[in-house]
Protein backbone atom coordinates (compact mmCIF):
# COMPACT_ATOMS: atom_id res chain seq x y z
CA UNK A 1 -14.48 4.32 -1.29
CA UNK A 2 -12.26 5.24 -4.05
CA UNK A 3 -10.26 8.51 -3.80
CA UNK A 4 -8.88 10.18 -6.58
CA UNK A 5 -5.06 10.87 -6.78
CA UNK A 6 -3.15 12.69 -9.01
CA UNK A 7 -0.57 11.04 -11.41
CA UNK A 8 1.99 13.81 -9.93
CA UNK A 9 0.94 12.31 -6.18
CA UNK A 10 1.90 8.69 -7.14
CA UNK A 11 4.93 9.77 -9.16
CA UNK A 12 6.32 11.43 -5.78
CA UNK A 13 5.41 9.03 -3.89
CA UNK A 14 7.39 6.35 -5.54
CA UNK A 15 10.33 8.54 -6.04
CA UNK A 16 10.26 8.86 -2.14
CA UNK A 17 10.00 5.08 -1.84
CA UNK A 18 12.83 4.86 -4.05
CA UNK A 19 14.93 7.22 -1.87
CA UNK A 20 13.97 4.41 1.12
CA UNK A 21 10.44 5.56 2.48
CA UNK A 22 8.64 2.34 3.40
CA UNK A 23 4.83 2.04 2.54
CA UNK A 24 4.02 1.95 6.05
CA UNK A 25 5.55 5.47 6.50
CA UNK A 26 3.78 6.59 3.63
CA UNK A 27 0.57 5.32 4.66
CA UNK A 28 0.98 7.08 7.82
CA UNK A 29 2.12 10.28 6.33
CA UNK A 30 -1.26 9.83 3.92
CA UNK A 31 -3.36 9.75 6.91
CA UNK A 32 -1.68 12.57 8.65
CA UNK A 33 -2.15 14.72 5.51
CA UNK A 34 -5.97 13.62 5.02
CA UNK A 35 -6.40 14.98 8.76
CA UNK A 36 -4.47 17.97 8.11
CA UNK A 37 -1.57 17.51 10.78
CA UNK A 38 2.03 16.60 10.05
CA UNK A 39 2.99 16.19 13.48
CA UNK A 40 2.46 12.35 14.94
CA UNK A 41 1.76 13.47 18.31
CA UNK A 42 -0.83 16.03 16.98
CA UNK A 43 -2.11 13.34 14.85
CA UNK A 44 -2.71 11.13 17.79
CA UNK A 45 -4.67 13.37 19.53
CA UNK A 46 -6.83 14.23 16.44
CA UNK A 47 -7.09 10.72 15.41
CA UNK A 48 -8.52 10.06 19.16
CA UNK A 49 -10.92 12.72 18.78
CA UNK A 50 -12.62 12.14 15.64
CA UNK A 51 -15.39 9.92 14.90
CA UNK A 52 -15.08 6.00 13.64
CA UNK A 53 -16.86 6.85 10.44
CA UNK A 54 -14.12 9.34 10.13
CA UNK A 55 -11.21 7.03 11.08
CA UNK A 56 -12.56 4.53 8.43
CA UNK A 57 -13.02 7.36 5.53
CA UNK A 58 -9.25 8.34 6.35
CA UNK A 59 -7.75 5.08 6.26
CA UNK A 60 -9.93 4.17 3.40
CA UNK A 61 -8.50 7.04 1.36
CA UNK A 62 -5.04 6.45 2.39
CA UNK A 63 -5.41 2.51 1.27
CA UNK A 64 -6.75 3.76 -1.87
CA UNK A 65 -3.87 5.73 -2.27
CA UNK A 66 -1.11 3.29 -1.39
CA UNK A 67 -3.09 0.80 -3.55
CA UNK A 68 -2.55 2.93 -6.71
CA UNK A 69 1.24 3.27 -5.77
CA UNK A 70 1.39 -0.14 -5.75
CA UNK A 71 -0.25 -1.01 -9.23
CA UNK A 72 2.03 1.76 -10.50
CA UNK A 73 4.89 0.14 -8.88
CA UNK A 74 4.29 -3.06 -10.79
CA UNK A 75 3.75 -1.32 -14.10
CA UNK A 76 7.09 0.62 -13.77
CA UNK A 77 9.28 -1.74 -11.61
CA UNK A 78 8.50 -5.14 -12.19
CA UNK A 79 11.38 -7.46 -11.45
CA UNK A 80 13.08 -4.65 -9.27
CA UNK A 81 13.85 -6.97 -6.49
CA UNK A 82 14.23 -3.97 -3.94
CA UNK A 83 10.51 -2.95 -5.07
CA UNK A 84 9.39 -6.52 -4.88
CA UNK A 85 10.80 -6.22 -0.89
CA UNK A 86 8.72 -3.02 -0.30
CA UNK A 87 5.72 -4.93 -1.39
CA UNK A 88 6.45 -7.98 0.52
CA UNK A 89 7.09 -5.91 3.80
CA UNK A 90 3.61 -3.90 3.14
CA UNK A 91 1.45 -7.39 2.08
CA UNK A 92 2.89 -8.85 5.34
CA UNK A 93 1.65 -5.71 7.26
CA UNK A 94 -1.43 -4.57 5.45
CA UNK A 95 -3.10 -8.10 4.48
CA UNK A 96 -4.58 -5.80 1.28
CA UNK A 97 -4.98 -7.63 -2.00
CA UNK A 98 -3.08 -5.08 -3.97
CA UNK A 99 0.34 -5.88 -3.14
CA UNK A 100 -0.32 -9.53 -3.26
CA UNK A 101 -1.78 -9.20 -6.61
CA UNK A 102 0.96 -6.64 -8.12
CA UNK A 103 3.85 -9.09 -6.58
CA UNK A 104 2.06 -12.26 -8.00
CA UNK A 105 1.23 -10.97 -11.49
CA UNK A 106 4.08 -8.42 -12.14
CA UNK A 107 7.34 -9.52 -10.38
CA UNK A 108 7.95 -13.19 -11.74
CA UNK A 109 10.25 -14.89 -9.10
CA UNK A 110 11.26 -13.12 -6.00
CA UNK A 111 12.79 -14.71 -2.90
CA UNK A 112 9.72 -14.84 -0.92
CA UNK A 113 7.09 -15.66 -3.63
CA UNK A 114 6.08 -19.22 -2.24
CA UNK A 115 5.23 -17.71 1.07
CA UNK A 116 3.31 -14.67 -0.52
CA UNK A 117 1.43 -16.98 -2.85
CA UNK A 118 0.36 -19.25 0.27
CA UNK A 119 -0.59 -16.36 2.21
CA UNK A 120 -2.59 -14.59 -0.63
CA UNK A 121 -4.30 -17.88 -1.60
CA UNK A 122 -5.42 -18.10 2.23
CA UNK A 123 -6.77 -14.62 2.47
CA UNK A 124 -8.47 -13.97 -0.93
CA UNK A 125 -11.47 -16.09 -2.55
CA UNK A 126 -10.00 -18.30 -5.53
CA UNK A 127 -12.03 -15.96 -7.98
CA UNK A 128 -9.54 -13.27 -7.14
CA UNK A 129 -6.48 -15.59 -7.19
CA UNK A 130 -7.07 -17.75 -10.25
CA UNK A 131 -4.70 -15.71 -12.27
CA UNK A 132 -1.66 -16.13 -10.13
C-alpha cells in the first residue's frame, strides 16, 4: 500500500534524525501517530485490540513513510557517514529493500558496505540488485 507523505513531514523527520532520532524510533512514532495515540503504554493496549488487517495496514503506512525518508536521505546526504550508520542500523533491523538500495547506490564506500551488500544480495532477487 502506498501512503502519501507530505514533503514537510519528510523534511521534519530528516531534521529529527539529524538531531539524534533513530529510524526505529521514527517507525514506532509513525505507528503511534497512525493509531492516534502518543503514549507507548496506550499504544500497546490499542495495538492488542485492533485486527490483524488493521495492524498490517498501519505497519505498511509506517514502512512507506520510512522508505520515503530513506530515499530522501540518499538524495540529500549521500556520503555522510552518520546517515549511512542510521541506514545500516535500519537495514539490519527491518530487512526492507529501501535502506539497502539507498546505501548501495547512493553512499559509495562506507564501513559496512561489504556486509550490507552480501546481506542485500541474499535477501532480494537479482533483478532488484543487479545495479548494486
